């Protein structure tokens, strides 16, 4: 494992483990509420619209969209990396949620919620895990400090946005970011190669399934059109007055 990978793994483990341990302390809940309120104090209607429109960059839809843009730009390896690391982060975050049953801020503390109610437990933040894992991995693949700083900033924004919209506590996003860093740290060598290979197999299977489905759908649509034309012709002949 590289020095960068080891640092991310250790930092991520400290964040995830530390925030999980802190959940057992009642004082954290009060501090979480105060920190979230302090962030939302800067809110305006315009900022509300901007954040609610972009917070899903850390969702599985954001992963697919990012991969599609990279593939269209000819960066196939980066697209496969984004899909694989993002899907892994999402799956592990959802698994963690099953073991830590924490209510969300709008449920436990009456915090104003700006988006639709998400599913699952509050800890850890899946969006933060996905955003940090995918964007930190892409930053590592990129060239130049500017690109890395931009992607790192986007990951931090995704995490903060989940607190702003009222669906996570700050400790949730720190835990999610820790999980994302751990995945990014481990995502190299055989692990990364296996992840990309799995994505390639999944995409091939999806194409193999969608081809026949598209052809079947086209045949059904053609059948409906032909029946519609036949019905229209029959109705027209019945309405035609006898000579």
Protein backbone atom coordinates (compact mmCIF):
# COMPACT_ATOMS: atom_id res chain seq x y z
CA UNK A 1 0.00 0.00 0.00
CA UNK A 2 1.29 3.47 -0.86
CA UNK A 3 1.99 6.16 1.73
CA UNK A 4 -1.06 8.14 0.53
CA UNK A 5 -3.29 5.10 0.74
CA UNK A 6 -2.12 4.27 4.26
CA UNK A 7 -2.70 7.85 5.45
CA UNK A 8 -6.23 7.84 4.06
CA UNK A 9 -6.98 4.46 5.59
CA UNK A 10 -5.78 5.49 9.06
CA UNK A 11 -7.45 8.92 8.96
CA UNK A 12 -10.68 7.38 7.72
CA UNK A 13 -10.64 4.71 10.42
CA UNK A 14 -10.04 7.36 13.09
CA UNK A 15 -12.95 9.48 11.80
CA UNK A 16 -15.40 6.60 11.46
CA UNK A 17 -14.44 4.90 14.72
CA UNK A 18 -14.17 8.15 16.65
CA UNK A 19 -17.57 9.47 15.60
CA UNK A 20 -19.21 6.10 16.25
CA UNK A 21 -17.73 6.01 19.76
CA UNK A 22 -18.80 9.60 20.38
CA UNK A 23 -22.42 8.70 19.56
CA UNK A 24 -22.60 7.02 22.95
CA UNK A 25 -22.12 10.37 24.71
CA UNK A 26 -25.26 12.51 25.24
CA UNK A 27 -23.18 15.68 25.08
CA UNK A 28 -22.42 14.95 21.43
CA UNK A 29 -26.08 15.12 20.49
CA UNK A 30 -26.32 18.65 21.90
CA UNK A 31 -23.08 19.69 20.21
CA UNK A 32 -24.28 18.18 16.92
CA UNK A 33 -27.49 20.20 17.03
CA UNK A 34 -25.64 23.44 17.82
CA UNK A 35 -23.09 22.88 15.03
CA UNK A 36 -25.81 22.12 12.49
CA UNK A 37 -27.81 25.17 13.56
CA UNK A 38 -24.70 27.34 13.19
CA UNK A 39 -24.23 26.15 9.60
CA UNK A 40 -27.88 26.67 8.66
CA UNK A 41 -27.84 30.18 10.15
CA UNK A 42 -26.19 31.39 6.94
CA UNK A 43 -29.11 30.12 4.86
CA UNK A 44 -31.04 32.25 2.38
CA UNK A 45 -33.79 31.27 -0.09
CA UNK A 46 -31.27 31.45 -2.95
CA UNK A 47 -28.75 29.31 -1.07
CA UNK A 48 -31.51 26.84 -0.15
CA UNK A 49 -32.31 26.36 -3.84
CA UNK A 50 -28.65 26.02 -4.82
CA UNK A 51 -27.84 23.44 -2.14
CA UNK A 52 -30.98 21.35 -2.60
CA UNK A 53 -30.27 21.24 -6.33
CA UNK A 54 -26.70 19.98 -5.94
CA UNK A 55 -26.61 17.88 -2.76
CA UNK A 56 -27.25 14.67 -4.72
CA UNK A 57 -23.76 14.83 -6.26
CA UNK A 58 -22.96 12.32 -3.53
CA UNK A 59 -25.79 9.96 -4.42
CA UNK A 60 -25.60 6.86 -6.59
CA UNK A 61 -27.15 9.01 -9.35
CA UNK A 62 -24.25 11.41 -9.01
CA UNK A 63 -21.85 8.51 -9.38
CA UNK A 64 -23.52 7.34 -12.59
CA UNK A 65 -23.60 10.90 -13.95
CA UNK A 66 -19.92 11.47 -13.17
CA UNK A 67 -18.97 8.17 -14.79
CA UNK A 68 -21.01 9.05 -17.89
CA UNK A 69 -19.24 12.40 -18.26
CA UNK A 70 -15.83 10.77 -17.85
CA UNK A 71 -16.68 8.05 -20.38
CA UNK A 72 -17.89 10.66 -22.89
CA UNK A 73 -14.58 12.49 -22.42
CA UNK A 74 -12.68 9.32 -23.33
CA UNK A 75 -11.50 8.57 -19.77
CA UNK A 76 -12.84 5.03 -19.57
CA UNK A 77 -10.57 3.85 -16.72
CA UNK A 78 -11.54 6.86 -14.60
CA UNK A 79 -15.23 6.23 -15.37
CA UNK A 80 -14.92 2.60 -14.26
CA UNK A 81 -13.07 3.72 -11.13
CA UNK A 82 -15.80 6.24 -10.29
CA UNK A 83 -18.55 3.65 -10.72
CA UNK A 84 -16.77 0.94 -8.76
CA UNK A 85 -15.56 3.02 -5.82
CA UNK A 86 -18.84 4.96 -5.61
CA UNK A 87 -20.98 1.82 -5.64
CA UNK A 88 -18.75 0.20 -3.01
CA UNK A 89 -19.00 3.24 -0.72
CA UNK A 90 -22.78 3.33 -1.12
CA UNK A 91 -23.16 -0.39 -0.32
CA UNK A 92 -20.92 -0.23 2.76
CA UNK A 93 -22.64 2.91 4.06
CA UNK A 94 -26.05 1.24 3.75
CA UNK A 95 -24.71 -1.81 5.57
CA UNK A 96 -23.38 0.35 8.42
CA UNK A 97 -26.75 2.08 8.76
CA UNK A 98 -28.35 -1.26 9.65
CA UNK A 99 -26.14 -1.54 12.74
CA UNK A 100 -26.38 2.07 13.95
CA UNK A 101 -30.02 3.06 14.30
CA UNK A 102 -29.82 6.83 14.70
CA UNK A 103 -32.71 9.20 14.08
CA UNK A 104 -32.21 12.05 11.66
CA UNK A 105 -32.11 15.70 12.83
CA UNK A 106 -35.59 16.54 11.52
CA UNK A 107 -36.97 13.49 13.36
CA UNK A 108 -35.21 13.87 16.71
CA UNK A 109 -34.74 17.64 17.01
CA UNK A 110 -37.30 19.23 14.71
CA UNK A 111 -34.68 20.60 12.31
CA UNK A 112 -36.12 22.09 9.12
CA UNK A 113 -35.79 19.61 6.26
CA UNK A 114 -35.28 21.02 2.74
CA UNK A 115 -35.49 17.79 0.70
CA UNK A 116 -37.59 14.65 0.61
CA UNK A 117 -37.12 12.31 3.59
CA UNK A 118 -34.26 9.90 2.86
CA UNK A 119 -34.41 6.26 3.86
CA UNK A 120 -32.32 4.51 6.46
CA UNK A 121 -30.50 5.57 9.60
CA UNK A 122 -28.73 8.90 9.97
CA UNK A 123 -25.28 7.43 10.69
CA UNK A 124 -23.14 7.37 8.65
CA UNK A 125 -23.94 9.72 5.79
CA UNK A 126 -24.03 7.70 2.58
CA UNK A 127 -23.71 10.84 0.45
CA UNK A 128 -20.57 11.87 2.34
CA UNK A 129 -19.10 8.37 2.00
CA UNK A 130 -19.81 8.21 -1.73
CA UNK A 131 -18.71 11.78 -2.45
CA UNK A 132 -15.45 11.56 -0.51
CA UNK A 133 -14.55 8.07 -1.80
CA UNK A 134 -15.22 8.88 -5.45
CA UNK A 135 -13.86 12.43 -5.54
CA UNK A 136 -10.71 11.69 -3.54
CA UNK A 137 -10.01 8.74 -5.83
CA UNK A 138 -10.51 10.90 -8.92
CA UNK A 139 -8.32 13.61 -7.36
CA UNK A 140 -5.55 11.05 -6.95
CA UNK A 141 -5.89 10.07 -10.60
CA UNK A 142 -5.89 13.69 -11.77
CA UNK A 143 -2.99 15.89 -12.69
CA UNK A 144 -2.02 19.07 -10.87
CA UNK A 145 -2.78 20.53 -7.47
CA UNK A 146 -5.62 22.68 -8.79
CA UNK A 147 -7.61 19.68 -9.94
CA UNK A 148 -7.04 17.87 -6.65
CA UNK A 149 -8.02 20.92 -4.61
CA UNK A 150 -11.23 21.36 -6.62
CA UNK A 151 -12.28 17.72 -6.23
CA UNK A 152 -11.42 17.72 -2.52
CA UNK A 153 -13.49 20.89 -2.11
CA UNK A 154 -16.43 19.25 -3.88
CA UNK A 155 -16.24 16.29 -1.51
CA UNK A 156 -16.31 18.65 1.50
CA UNK A 157 -19.24 20.54 -0.03
CA UNK A 158 -21.29 17.36 -0.50
CA UNK A 159 -20.71 16.45 3.15
CA UNK A 160 -21.65 19.92 4.45
CA UNK A 161 -24.72 20.09 2.21
CA UNK A 162 -26.25 17.08 3.97
CA UNK A 163 -26.14 18.97 7.26
CA UNK A 164 -27.50 22.13 5.64
CA UNK A 165 -30.58 20.42 4.19
CA UNK A 166 -31.41 18.97 7.61
CA UNK A 167 -30.99 15.23 7.02
CA UNK A 168 -27.70 14.63 8.86
CA UNK A 169 -25.79 15.71 11.93
CA UNK A 170 -22.18 16.88 11.50
CA UNK A 171 -20.97 13.66 13.16
CA UNK A 172 -22.86 11.66 10.51
CA UNK A 173 -20.94 13.31 7.69
CA UNK A 174 -17.61 12.97 9.52
CA UNK A 175 -18.34 9.26 9.90
CA UNK A 176 -19.35 8.99 6.24
CA UNK A 177 -16.25 10.91 5.15
CA UNK A 178 -14.14 8.53 7.23
CA UNK A 179 -15.69 5.54 5.51
CA UNK A 180 -15.09 7.17 2.12
CA UNK A 181 -11.43 7.84 2.95
CA UNK A 182 -10.93 4.23 4.06
CA UNK A 183 -12.35 2.94 0.77
CA UNK A 184 -10.26 5.40 -1.24
CA UNK A 185 -7.15 4.40 0.70
CA UNK A 186 -7.71 0.71 0.01
CA UNK A 187 -8.66 1.31 -3.64
CA UNK A 188 -5.39 0.48 -5.35
CA UNK A 189 -3.56 -2.48 -6.79
CA UNK A 190 -5.55 -5.74 -6.84
CA UNK A 191 -8.56 -4.18 -5.09
CA UNK A 192 -8.94 -1.46 -7.72
CA UNK A 193 -8.35 -3.94 -10.56
CA UNK A 194 -11.00 -6.30 -9.17
CA UNK A 195 -13.47 -3.44 -8.75
CA UNK A 196 -13.02 -2.26 -12.33
CA UNK A 197 -13.31 -5.83 -13.63
CA UNK A 198 -16.58 -6.29 -11.75
CA UNK A 199 -17.95 -3.07 -13.23
CA UNK A 200 -17.00 -4.21 -16.75
CA UNK A 201 -18.79 -7.53 -16.22
CA UNK A 202 -21.86 -5.74 -14.83
CA UNK A 203 -21.99 -3.36 -17.79
CA UNK A 204 -21.65 -6.22 -20.28
CA UNK A 205 -24.44 -8.12 -18.54
CA UNK A 206 -26.63 -5.01 -18.58
CA UNK A 207 -26.00 -4.50 -22.31
CA UNK A 208 -26.76 -8.17 -22.99
CA UNK A 209 -30.09 -7.81 -21.20
CA UNK A 210 -31.10 -4.42 -22.55
CA UNK A 211 -30.53 -5.40 -26.20
CA UNK A 212 -33.33 -8.02 -26.32
CA UNK A 213 -35.54 -5.81 -24.13
CA UNK A 214 -35.18 -2.91 -26.57
CA UNK A 215 -36.04 -5.15 -29.50
CA UNK A 216 -39.06 -6.58 -27.68
CA UNK A 217 -40.26 -3.07 -26.77
CA UNK A 218 -39.89 -1.97 -30.39
CA UNK A 219 -41.97 -4.95 -31.58
CA UNK A 220 -44.70 -4.23 -29.00
CA UNK A 221 -44.79 -0.56 -30.02
CA UNK A 222 -44.98 -1.50 -33.70
CA UNK A 223 -47.84 -3.90 -32.95
CA UNK A 224 -49.77 -1.17 -31.13
CA UNK A 225 -49.25 1.24 -34.03
CA UNK A 226 -50.41 -1.29 -36.62
CA UNK A 227 -53.47 -2.15 -34.57
CA UNK A 228 -54.25 1.53 -34.14
CA UNK A 229 -54.04 2.14 -37.88
CA UNK A 230 -56.22 -0.90 -38.59
CA UNK A 231 -58.83 0.31 -36.08
CA UNK A 232 -58.80 3.80 -37.58
CA UNK A 233 -59.21 2.41 -41.12
CA UNK A 234 -62.07 0.17 -39.99
CA UNK A 235 -63.84 3.06 -38.27
CA UNK A 236 -63.45 5.26 -41.34
CA UNK A 237 -64.94 2.59 -43.62
CA UNK A 238 -67.94 2.15 -41.32
CA UNK A 239 -68.62 5.89 -41.27
CA UNK A 240 -68.42 6.22 -45.08
CA UNK A 241 -71.98 6.63 -46.45
CA UNK A 242 -73.27 3.93 -48.77
CA UNK A 243 -73.40 4.84 -52.48
